Amino acid sequence: MRILIIPGLLLALAGCAMPPQHTAMNLDTNDPKFNSPECIDIRNRALTYDDRTGENIGSVQMSRQYFNREIMLRCSSAAPAAPRT
């Protein structure tokens, strides 16, 4: 039973961090930072973001969190939340 629970929990944790593509698509287009060169660059990188599915699920989630934070820093005037550790 334990063998089935642990992988399920790991998969659930991996799904907690929103994919960067979703973060980039939900930005406020009226924000002054939205059309900045930095924001345009990170939005383009978000479109081709790859989770590197062969890696540790925990590291994938952290990678997503940091990438999402970077998107918010470059594209939103609102202060982003600190990534969870």
PDB file of N, CA and C in Angstrom:
ATOM      1  N   MET A   1       0.824  -1.191   0.000  1.00  0.00           N
ATOM      2  CA  MET A   1       0.000   0.000   0.000  1.00  0.00           C
ATOM      3  C   MET A   1       0.870   1.258   0.000  1.00  0.00           C
ATOM      4  N   ARG A   2       1.916   1.240   0.833  1.00  0.00           N
ATOM      5  CA  ARG A   2       2.815   2.389   0.931  1.00  0.00           C
ATOM      6  C   ARG A   2       3.480   2.682  -0.411  1.00  0.00           C
ATOM      7  N   ILE A   3       3.755   1.632  -1.161  1.00  0.00           N
ATOM      8  CA  ILE A   3       4.405   1.781  -2.458  1.00  0.00           C
ATOM      9  C   ILE A   3       3.526   2.585  -3.412  1.00  0.00           C
ATOM     10  N   LEU A   4       2.234   2.482  -3.301  1.00  0.00           N
ATOM     11  CA  LEU A   4       1.323   3.215  -4.174  1.00  0.00           C
ATOM     12  C   LEU A   4       1.086   4.647  -3.703  1.00  0.00           C
ATOM     13  N   ILE A   5       1.154   4.878  -2.417  1.00  0.00           N
ATOM     14  CA  ILE A   5       0.859   6.208  -1.862  1.00  0.00           C
ATOM     15  C   ILE A   5       1.970   7.200  -2.148  1.00  0.00           C
ATOM     16  N   ILE A   6       3.210   6.816  -1.964  1.00  0.00           N
ATOM     17  CA  ILE A   6       4.343   7.748  -2.127  1.00  0.00           C
ATOM     18  C   ILE A   6       4.424   8.309  -3.545  1.00  0.00           C
ATOM     19  N   PRO A   7       4.375   7.494  -4.603  1.00  0.00           N
ATOM     20  CA  PRO A   7       4.406   8.092  -5.948  1.00  0.00           C
ATOM     21  C   PRO A   7       3.212   9.011  -6.203  1.00  0.00           C
ATOM     22  N   GLY A   8       2.054   8.656  -5.668  1.00  0.00           N
ATOM     23  CA  GLY A   8       0.873   9.503  -5.836  1.00  0.00           C
ATOM     24  C   GLY A   8       1.054  10.857  -5.189  1.00  0.00           C
ATOM     25  N   LEU A   9       1.646  10.876  -4.002  1.00  0.00           N
ATOM     26  CA  LEU A   9       1.905  12.140  -3.314  1.00  0.00           C
ATOM     27  C   LEU A   9       2.919  12.978  -4.079  1.00  0.00           C
ATOM     28  N   LEU A  10       3.940  12.347  -4.608  1.00  0.00           N
ATOM     29  CA  LEU A  10       4.942  13.083  -5.379  1.00  0.00           C
ATOM     30  C   LEU A  10       4.340  13.690  -6.638  1.00  0.00           C
ATOM     31  N   LEU A  11       3.472  12.955  -7.294  1.00  0.00           N
ATOM     32  CA  LEU A  11       2.816  13.500  -8.486  1.00  0.00           C
ATOM     33  C   LEU A  11       1.896  14.656  -8.134  1.00  0.00           C
ATOM     34  N   ALA A  12       1.234  14.577  -6.995  1.00  0.00           N
ATOM     35  CA  ALA A  12       0.360  15.673  -6.558  1.00  0.00           C
ATOM     36  C   ALA A  12       1.172  16.918  -6.258  1.00  0.00           C
ATOM     37  N   LEU A  13       2.333  16.743  -5.633  1.00  0.00           N
ATOM     38  CA  LEU A  13       3.188  17.903  -5.334  1.00  0.00           C
ATOM     39  C   LEU A  13       3.699  18.558  -6.606  1.00  0.00           C
ATOM     40  N   ALA A  14       4.005  17.776  -7.606  1.00  0.00           N
ATOM     41  CA  ALA A  14       4.508  18.339  -8.866  1.00  0.00           C
ATOM     42  C   ALA A  14       3.455  19.209  -9.536  1.00  0.00           C
ATOM     43  N   GLY A  15       2.202  18.902  -9.320  1.00  0.00           N
ATOM     44  CA  GLY A  15       1.136  19.669  -9.932  1.00  0.00           C
ATOM     45  C   GLY A  15       0.800  20.947  -9.197  1.00  0.00           C
ATOM     46  N   CYS A  16       1.397  21.201  -8.037  1.00  0.00           N
ATOM     47  CA  CYS A  16       1.067  22.383  -7.243  1.00  0.00           C
ATOM     48  C   CYS A  16       1.550  23.676  -7.891  1.00  0.00           C
ATOM     49  N   ALA A  17       2.674  23.642  -8.520  1.00  0.00           N
ATOM     50  CA  ALA A  17       3.214  24.846  -9.148  1.00  0.00           C
ATOM     51  C   ALA A  17       2.640  24.969 -10.556  1.00  0.00           C
ATOM     52  N   MET A  18       2.080  26.128 -10.842  1.00  0.00           N
ATOM     53  CA  MET A  18       1.450  26.377 -12.137  1.00  0.00           C
ATOM     54  C   MET A  18       2.504  26.368 -13.247  1.00  0.00           C
ATOM     55  N   PRO A  19       2.195  25.781 -14.398  1.00  0.00           N
ATOM     56  CA  PRO A  19       3.142  25.821 -15.512  1.00  0.00           C
ATOM     57  C   PRO A  19       3.410  27.272 -15.934  1.00  0.00           C
ATOM     58  N   PRO A  20       4.649  27.616 -16.267  1.00  0.00           N
ATOM     59  CA  PRO A  20       4.982  28.981 -16.671  1.00  0.00           C
ATOM     60  C   PRO A  20       4.158  29.475 -17.859  1.00  0.00           C
ATOM     61  N   GLN A  21       3.770  28.580 -18.757  1.00  0.00           N
ATOM     62  CA  GLN A  21       2.936  28.994 -19.888  1.00  0.00           C
ATOM     63  C   GLN A  21       1.616  29.574 -19.385  1.00  0.00           C
ATOM     64  N   HIS A  22       1.049  28.963 -18.369  1.00  0.00           N
ATOM     65  CA  HIS A  22      -0.212  29.418 -17.800  1.00  0.00           C
ATOM     66  C   HIS A  22      -0.025  30.768 -17.103  1.00  0.00           C
ATOM     67  N   THR A  23       1.071  30.913 -16.380  1.00  0.00           N
ATOM     68  CA  THR A  23       1.364  32.180 -15.705  1.00  0.00           C
ATOM     69  C   THR A  23       1.498  33.302 -16.724  1.00  0.00           C
ATOM     70  N   ALA A  24       2.233  33.062 -17.786  1.00  0.00           N
ATOM     71  CA  ALA A  24       2.455  34.090 -18.804  1.00  0.00           C
ATOM     72  C   ALA A  24       1.158  34.474 -19.514  1.00  0.00           C
ATOM     73  N   MET A  25       0.276  33.517 -19.713  1.00  0.00           N
ATOM     74  CA  MET A  25      -0.968  33.806 -20.422  1.00  0.00           C
ATOM     75  C   MET A  25      -1.981  34.556 -19.552  1.00  0.00           C
ATOM     76  N   ASN A  26      -1.799  34.522 -18.238  1.00  0.00           N
ATOM     77  CA  ASN A  26      -2.737  35.175 -17.330  1.00  0.00           C
ATOM     78  C   ASN A  26      -2.238  36.518 -16.807  1.00  0.00           C
ATOM     79  N   LEU A  27      -1.258  37.092 -17.468  1.00  0.00           N
ATOM     80  CA  LEU A  27      -0.739  38.396 -17.048  1.00  0.00           C
ATOM     81  C   LEU A  27      -1.705  39.511 -17.424  1.00  0.00           C
ATOM     82  N   ASP A  28      -1.643  40.598 -16.677  1.00  0.00           N
ATOM     83  CA  ASP A  28      -2.459  41.777 -16.959  1.00  0.00           C
ATOM     84  C   ASP A  28      -1.827  42.544 -18.117  1.00  0.00           C
ATOM     85  N   THR A  29      -2.499  42.572 -19.247  1.00  0.00           N
ATOM     86  CA  THR A  29      -1.954  43.252 -20.427  1.00  0.00           C
ATOM     87  C   THR A  29      -1.954  44.769 -20.278  1.00  0.00           C
ATOM     88  N   ASN A  30      -2.662  45.294 -19.285  1.00  0.00           N
ATOM     89  CA  ASN A  30      -2.686  46.736 -19.041  1.00  0.00           C
ATOM     90  C   ASN A  30      -1.576  47.196 -18.100  1.00  0.00           C
ATOM     91  N   ASP A  31      -0.829  46.253 -17.534  1.00  0.00           N
ATOM     92  CA  ASP A  31       0.264  46.597 -16.628  1.00  0.00           C
ATOM     93  C   ASP A  31       1.362  47.320 -17.409  1.00  0.00           C
ATOM     94  N   PRO A  32       1.949  48.371 -16.842  1.00  0.00           N
ATOM     95  CA  PRO A  32       3.011  49.105 -17.552  1.00  0.00           C
ATOM     96  C   PRO A  32       4.228  48.249 -17.906  1.00  0.00           C
ATOM     97  N   LYS A  33       4.494  47.213 -17.134  1.00  0.00           N
ATOM     98  CA  LYS A  33       5.656  46.363 -17.397  1.00  0.00           C
ATOM     99  C   LYS A  33       5.400  45.338 -18.511  1.00  0.00           C
ATOM    100  N   PHE A  34       4.149  45.125 -18.886  1.00  0.00           N
ATOM    101  CA  PHE A  34       3.795  44.044 -19.806  1.00  0.00           C
ATOM    102  C   PHE A  34       4.520  44.139 -21.151  1.00  0.00           C
ATOM    103  N   ASN A  35       4.682  45.307 -21.687  1.00  0.00           N
ATOM    104  CA  ASN A  35       5.335  45.460 -23.001  1.00  0.00           C
ATOM    105  C   ASN A  35       6.813  45.816 -22.908  1.00  0.00           C
ATOM    106  N   SER A  36       7.406  45.647 -21.733  1.00  0.00           N
ATOM    107  CA  SER A  36       8.838  45.917 -21.597  1.00  0.00           C
ATOM    108  C   SER A  36       9.634  44.809 -22.285  1.00  0.00           C
ATOM    109  N   PRO A  37      10.856  45.125 -22.745  1.00  0.00           N
ATOM    110  CA  PRO A  37      11.676  44.082 -23.397  1.00  0.00           C
ATOM    111  C   PRO A  37      11.930  42.869 -22.495  1.00  0.00           C
ATOM    112  N   GLU A  38      12.085  43.124 -21.179  1.00  0.00           N
ATOM    113  CA  GLU A  38      12.337  42.019 -20.239  1.00  0.00           C
ATOM    114  C   GLU A  38      11.127  41.084 -20.167  1.00  0.00           C
ATOM    115  N   CYS A  39       9.937  41.678 -20.148  1.00  0.00           N
ATOM    116  CA  CYS A  39       8.719  40.871 -20.077  1.00  0.00           C
ATOM    117  C   CYS A  39       8.502  40.094 -21.375  1.00  0.00           C
ATOM    118  N   ILE A  40       8.700  40.734 -22.487  1.00  0.00           N
ATOM    119  CA  ILE A  40       8.533  40.059 -23.774  1.00  0.00           C
ATOM    120  C   ILE A  40       9.490  38.872 -23.874  1.00  0.00           C
ATOM    121  N   ASP A  41      10.723  39.058 -23.417  1.00  0.00           N
ATOM    122  CA  ASP A  41      11.717  37.979 -23.450  1.00  0.00           C
ATOM    123  C   ASP A  41      11.278  36.796 -22.585  1.00  0.00           C
ATOM    124  N   ILE A  42      10.858  37.053 -21.353  1.00  0.00           N
ATOM    125  CA  ILE A  42      10.491  35.957 -20.451  1.00  0.00           C
ATOM    126  C   ILE A  42       9.200  35.278 -20.907  1.00  0.00           C
ATOM    127  N   ARG A  43       8.270  36.036 -21.506  1.00  0.00           N
ATOM    128  CA  ARG A  43       7.051  35.424 -22.038  1.00  0.00           C
ATOM    129  C   ARG A  43       7.381  34.485 -23.190  1.00  0.00           C
ATOM    130  N   ASN A  44       8.313  34.873 -24.043  1.00  0.00           N
ATOM    131  CA  ASN A  44       8.735  33.991 -25.142  1.00  0.00           C
ATOM    132  C   ASN A  44       9.414  32.740 -24.609  1.00  0.00           C
ATOM    133  N   ARG A  45      10.233  32.894 -23.561  1.00  0.00           N
ATOM    134  CA  ARG A  45      10.881  31.726 -22.951  1.00  0.00           C
ATOM    135  C   ARG A  45       9.861  30.821 -22.279  1.00  0.00           C
ATOM    136  N   ALA A  46       8.794  31.401 -21.719  1.00  0.00           N
ATOM    137  CA  ALA A  46       7.753  30.594 -21.072  1.00  0.00           C
ATOM    138  C   ALA A  46       7.030  29.704 -22.083  1.00  0.00           C
ATOM    139  N   LEU A  47       6.879  30.197 -23.308  1.00  0.00           N
ATOM    140  CA  LEU A  47       6.194  29.411 -24.334  1.00  0.00           C
ATOM    141  C   LEU A  47       6.933  28.121 -24.660  1.00  0.00           C
ATOM    142  N   THR A  48       8.242  28.123 -24.526  1.00  0.00           N
ATOM    143  CA  THR A  48       9.039  26.938 -24.848  1.00  0.00           C
ATOM    144  C   THR A  48       9.574  26.251 -23.591  1.00  0.00           C
ATOM    145  N   TYR A  49       9.070  26.629 -22.419  1.00  0.00           N
ATOM    146  CA  TYR A  49       9.526  26.045 -21.155  1.00  0.00           C
ATOM    147  C   TYR A  49       9.253  24.547 -21.131  1.00  0.00           C
ATOM    148  N   ASP A  50      10.237  23.776 -20.696  1.00  0.00           N
ATOM    149  CA  ASP A  50      10.119  22.326 -20.606  1.00  0.00           C
ATOM    150  C   ASP A  50      10.452  21.903 -19.184  1.00  0.00           C
ATOM    151  N   ASP A  51       9.615  21.074 -18.599  1.00  0.00           N
ATOM    152  CA  ASP A  51       9.819  20.615 -17.217  1.00  0.00           C
ATOM    153  C   ASP A  51      10.945  19.601 -17.070  1.00  0.00           C
ATOM    154  N   ARG A  52      11.544  19.187 -18.141  1.00  0.00           N
ATOM    155  CA  ARG A  52      12.578  18.141 -18.076  1.00  0.00           C
ATOM    156  C   ARG A  52      12.013  16.964 -17.273  1.00  0.00           C
ATOM    157  N   THR A  53      11.035  16.311 -17.835  1.00  0.00           N
ATOM    158  CA  THR A  53      10.251  15.300 -17.126  1.00  0.00           C
ATOM    159  C   THR A  53      11.065  14.150 -16.547  1.00  0.00           C
ATOM    160  N   GLY A  54      12.275  13.944 -16.977  1.00  0.00           N
ATOM    161  CA  GLY A  54      13.080  12.861 -16.442  1.00  0.00           C
ATOM    162  C   GLY A  54      13.733  13.198 -15.108  1.00  0.00           C
ATOM    163  N   GLU A  55      13.592  14.424 -14.642  1.00  0.00           N
ATOM    164  CA  GLU A  55      14.252  14.830 -13.407  1.00  0.00           C
ATOM    165  C   GLU A  55      13.374  14.568 -12.189  1.00  0.00           C
ATOM    166  N   ASN A  56      13.960  14.783 -11.025  1.00  0.00           N
ATOM    167  CA  ASN A  56      13.274  14.640  -9.750  1.00  0.00           C
ATOM    168  C   ASN A  56      12.048  15.552  -9.725  1.00  0.00           C
ATOM    169  N   ILE A  57      10.912  15.029  -9.297  1.00  0.00           N
ATOM    170  CA  ILE A  57       9.662  15.781  -9.292  1.00  0.00           C
ATOM    171  C   ILE A  57       9.770  17.018  -8.402  1.00  0.00           C
ATOM    172  N   GLY A  58      10.455  16.923  -7.276  1.00  0.00           N
ATOM    173  CA  GLY A  58      10.619  18.070  -6.382  1.00  0.00           C
ATOM    174  C   GLY A  58      11.402  19.188  -7.035  1.00  0.00           C
ATOM    175  N   SER A  59      12.423  18.853  -7.797  1.00  0.00           N
ATOM    176  CA  SER A  59      13.217  19.891  -8.457  1.00  0.00           C
ATOM    177  C   SER A  59      12.435  20.544  -9.592  1.00  0.00           C
ATOM    178  N   VAL A  60      11.544  19.781 -10.228  1.00  0.00           N
ATOM    179  CA  VAL A  60      10.700  20.350 -11.286  1.00  0.00           C
ATOM    180  C   VAL A  60       9.779  21.405 -10.692  1.00  0.00           C
ATOM    181  N   GLN A  61       9.177  21.075  -9.536  1.00  0.00           N
ATOM    182  CA  GLN A  61       8.264  22.043  -8.909  1.00  0.00           C
ATOM    183  C   GLN A  61       9.007  23.317  -8.521  1.00  0.00           C
ATOM    184  N   MET A  62      10.209  23.186  -7.954  1.00  0.00           N
ATOM    185  CA  MET A  62      10.977  24.373  -7.564  1.00  0.00           C
ATOM    186  C   MET A  62      11.358  25.186  -8.790  1.00  0.00           C
ATOM    187  N   SER A  63      11.720  24.502  -9.866  1.00  0.00           N
ATOM    188  CA  SER A  63      12.076  25.187 -11.096  1.00  0.00           C
ATOM    189  C   SER A  63      10.890  25.992 -11.618  1.00  0.00           C
ATOM    190  N   ARG A  64       9.700  25.395 -11.590  1.00  0.00           N
ATOM    191  CA  ARG A  64       8.492  26.103 -12.014  1.00  0.00           C
ATOM    192  C   ARG A  64       8.232  27.325 -11.136  1.00  0.00           C
ATOM    193  N   GLN A  65       8.375  27.150  -9.827  1.00  0.00           N
ATOM    194  CA  GLN A  65       8.107  28.261  -8.910  1.00  0.00           C
ATOM    195  C   GLN A  65       9.039  29.436  -9.179  1.00  0.00           C
ATOM    196  N   TYR A  66      10.316  29.151  -9.352  1.00  0.00           N
ATOM    197  CA  TYR A  66      11.274  30.225  -9.606  1.00  0.00           C
ATOM    198  C   TYR A  66      11.046  30.881 -10.973  1.00  0.00           C
ATOM    199  N   PHE A  67      10.693  30.088 -11.961  1.00  0.00           N
ATOM    200  CA  PHE A  67      10.425  30.656 -13.284  1.00  0.00           C
ATOM    201  C   PHE A  67       9.168  31.530 -13.233  1.00  0.00           C
ATOM    202  N   ASN A  68       8.129  31.054 -12.546  1.00  0.00           N
ATOM    203  CA  ASN A  68       6.908  31.846 -12.398  1.00  0.00           C
ATOM    204  C   ASN A  68       7.189  33.145 -11.655  1.00  0.00           C
ATOM    205  N   ARG A  69       8.019  33.085 -10.643  1.00  0.00           N
ATOM    206  CA  ARG A  69       8.382  34.293  -9.895  1.00  0.00           C
ATOM    207  C   ARG A  69       9.114  35.279 -10.807  1.00  0.00           C
ATOM    208  N   GLU A  70       9.990  34.767 -11.638  1.00  0.00           N
ATOM    209  CA  GLU A  70      10.732  35.626 -12.568  1.00  0.00           C
ATOM    210  C   GLU A  70       9.776  36.292 -13.570  1.00  0.00           C
ATOM    211  N   ILE A  71       8.790  35.547 -14.019  1.00  0.00           N
ATOM    212  CA  ILE A  71       7.777  36.123 -14.915  1.00  0.00           C
ATOM    213  C   ILE A  71       7.067  37.273 -14.214  1.00  0.00           C
ATOM    214  N   MET A  72       6.659  37.052 -12.980  1.00  0.00           N
ATOM    215  CA  MET A  72       5.935  38.092 -12.250  1.00  0.00           C
ATOM    216  C   MET A  72       6.813  39.308 -11.964  1.00  0.00           C
ATOM    217  N   LEU A  73       8.080  39.083 -11.650  1.00  0.00           N
ATOM    218  CA  LEU A  73       8.985  40.206 -11.401  1.00  0.00           C
ATOM    219  C   LEU A  73       9.164  41.070 -12.643  1.00  0.00           C
ATOM    220  N   ARG A  74       9.271  40.445 -13.803  1.00  0.00           N
ATOM    221  CA  ARG A  74       9.526  41.180 -15.043  1.00  0.00           C
ATOM    222  C   ARG A  74       8.260  41.759 -15.684  1.00  0.00           C
ATOM    223  N   CYS A  75       7.097  41.175 -15.386  1.00  0.00           N
ATOM    224  CA  CYS A  75       5.897  41.544 -16.132  1.00  0.00           C
ATOM    225  C   CYS A  75       4.784  42.164 -15.303  1.00  0.00           C
ATOM    226  N   SER A  76       4.939  42.222 -13.997  1.00  0.00           N
ATOM    227  CA  SER A  76       3.858  42.726 -13.157  1.00  0.00           C
ATOM    228  C   SER A  76       4.376  43.754 -12.157  1.00  0.00           C
ATOM    229  N   SER A  77       3.620  44.812 -11.981  1.00  0.00           N
ATOM    230  CA  SER A  77       3.989  45.837 -11.006  1.00  0.00           C
ATOM    231  C   SER A  77       3.681  45.388  -9.578  1.00  0.00           C
ATOM    232  N   ALA A  78       2.806  44.398  -9.424  1.00  0.00           N
ATOM    233  CA  ALA A  78       2.492  43.860  -8.111  1.00  0.00           C
ATOM    234  C   ALA A  78       3.655  42.990  -7.627  1.00  0.00           C
ATOM    235  N   ALA A  79       3.928  43.051  -6.330  1.00  0.00           N
ATOM    236  CA  ALA A  79       5.016  42.253  -5.768  1.00  0.00           C
ATOM    237  C   ALA A  79       4.637  40.781  -5.763  1.00  0.00           C
ATOM    238  N   PRO A  80       5.480  39.905  -6.342  1.00  0.00           N
ATOM    239  CA  PRO A  80       5.145  38.468  -6.353  1.00  0.00           C
ATOM    240  C   PRO A  80       5.397  37.835  -4.992  1.00  0.00           C
ATOM    241  N   ALA A  81       4.701  36.759  -4.737  1.00  0.00           N
ATOM    242  CA  ALA A  81       4.902  36.009  -3.494  1.00  0.00           C
ATOM    243  C   ALA A  81       6.245  35.303  -3.551  1.00  0.00           C
ATOM    244  N   ALA A  82       6.863  35.142  -2.393  1.00  0.00           N
ATOM    245  CA  ALA A  82       8.129  34.411  -2.320  1.00  0.00           C
ATOM    246  C   ALA A  82       7.883  32.939  -2.606  1.00  0.00           C
ATOM    247  N   PRO A  83       8.814  32.279  -3.293  1.00  0.00           N
ATOM    248  CA  PRO A  83       8.619  30.865  -3.589  1.00  0.00           C
ATOM    249  C   PRO A  83       8.626  30.034  -2.306  1.00  0.00           C
ATOM    250  N   ARG A  84       7.777  29.002  -2.282  1.00  0.00           N
ATOM    251  CA  ARG A  84       7.753  28.103  -1.130  1.00  0.00           C
ATOM    252  C   ARG A  84       8.921  27.142  -1.216  1.00  0.00           C
ATOM    253  N   THR A  85       9.502  26.829  -0.068  1.00  0.00           N
ATOM    254  CA  THR A  85      10.610  25.868  -0.060  1.00  0.00           C
ATOM    255  C   THR A  85      10.206  24.568   0.529  1.00  0.00           C
TER     256      THR A  85
END
